[in-house]
Amino acid sequence: MLVLTRKKEESIMIGDNIEIVVVEISPNQVRLGVKAPKNVSIYRKEIFEVIGEENRKSVESALDTALIKEQIKAFFEHE
């Protein structure tokens, strides 16, 4: 992990078009601003993890549904 020291209103660049700006510093937290193209998704990590879990559940559900459909089709083909 790269660790950088920045002061208020200083920034770092990620690639050519993503800028992370230190907006505010308080004793318990740091506020960051993100400047990025609209096609770049930006999430807090805890939200990103929830989205990933929901996507996994959705894929599993779709796979379960596909399996059930195959089993029903096979059942009726053998009658």
Protein backbone atom coordinates (compact mmCIF):
# COMPACT_ATOMS: atom_id res chain seq x y z
CA MET A 1 0.00 0.00 0.00
CA LEU A 2 1.27 3.43 -0.91
CA VAL A 3 0.91 5.86 2.01
CA LEU A 4 0.98 9.60 1.25
CA THR A 5 0.89 12.67 3.48
CA ARG A 6 -1.34 15.52 2.30
CA LYS A 7 -2.60 18.73 3.88
CA LYS A 8 -5.97 20.41 3.47
CA GLU A 9 -6.64 21.40 -0.16
CA GLU A 10 -3.77 19.24 -1.43
CA SER A 11 -4.48 16.35 -3.73
CA ILE A 12 -3.19 13.18 -5.34
CA MET A 13 -3.72 11.96 -8.88
CA ILE A 14 -4.69 8.45 -9.93
CA GLY A 15 -3.84 7.99 -13.56
CA ASP A 16 -4.44 10.98 -15.81
CA ASN A 17 -7.99 11.87 -14.86
CA ILE A 18 -8.82 11.01 -11.24
CA GLU A 19 -7.97 13.52 -8.52
CA ILE A 20 -8.47 12.97 -4.79
CA VAL A 21 -8.57 16.25 -2.84
CA VAL A 22 -8.32 16.66 0.95
CA VAL A 23 -11.30 18.92 1.61
CA GLU A 24 -11.39 19.01 5.40
CA ILE A 25 -9.48 17.54 8.32
CA SER A 26 -10.97 17.10 11.79
CA PRO A 27 -9.76 15.11 14.81
CA ASN A 28 -11.74 11.98 13.91
CA GLN A 29 -12.10 12.08 10.14
CA VAL A 30 -10.85 13.39 6.84
CA ARG A 31 -13.21 14.63 4.11
CA LEU A 32 -12.09 13.81 0.61
CA GLY A 33 -13.32 15.09 -2.70
CA VAL A 34 -13.05 12.99 -5.84
CA LYS A 35 -12.82 14.47 -9.32
CA ALA A 36 -13.29 11.76 -11.93
CA PRO A 37 -14.99 11.15 -15.27
CA LYS A 38 -18.69 10.31 -15.05
CA ASN A 39 -18.05 6.78 -16.32
CA VAL A 40 -15.93 5.99 -13.22
CA SER A 41 -17.94 4.50 -10.36
CA ILE A 42 -16.96 5.79 -6.92
CA TYR A 43 -18.19 4.12 -3.72
CA ARG A 44 -17.23 4.05 -0.07
CA LYS A 45 -15.69 0.64 0.59
CA GLU A 46 -18.52 -0.58 2.85
CA ILE A 47 -21.10 0.26 0.17
CA PHE A 48 -18.95 -1.37 -2.54
CA GLU A 49 -18.82 -4.58 -0.48
CA VAL A 50 -22.62 -4.60 -0.05
CA ILE A 51 -23.10 -4.10 -3.79
CA GLY A 52 -20.68 -6.96 -4.51
CA GLU A 53 -22.52 -9.29 -2.13
CA GLU A 54 -25.90 -8.39 -3.66
CA ASN A 55 -24.47 -9.04 -7.13
CA ARG A 56 -23.19 -12.46 -6.01
CA LYS A 57 -26.61 -13.33 -4.56
CA SER A 58 -28.29 -12.23 -7.78
CA VAL A 59 -26.00 -14.41 -9.90
CA GLU A 60 -26.56 -17.39 -7.58
CA SER A 61 -30.32 -16.88 -7.79
CA ALA A 62 -30.17 -16.68 -11.59
CA LEU A 63 -28.12 -19.89 -11.68
CA ASP A 64 -30.63 -21.62 -9.37
CA THR A 65 -33.50 -20.48 -11.61
CA ALA A 66 -31.71 -21.73 -14.73
CA LEU A 67 -31.09 -25.11 -13.08
CA ILE A 68 -34.75 -25.43 -12.07
CA LYS A 69 -35.83 -24.60 -15.63
CA GLU A 70 -33.48 -27.26 -17.01
CA GLN A 71 -34.83 -29.84 -14.56
CA ILE A 72 -38.45 -29.03 -15.45
CA LYS A 73 -37.65 -29.23 -19.17
CA ALA A 74 -35.89 -32.59 -18.71
CA PHE A 75 -38.81 -33.91 -16.67
CA PHE A 76 -41.36 -33.08 -19.37
CA GLU A 77 -39.13 -34.38 -22.17
CA HIS A 78 -38.97 -37.80 -20.48
CA GLU A 79 -42.74 -38.15 -20.04
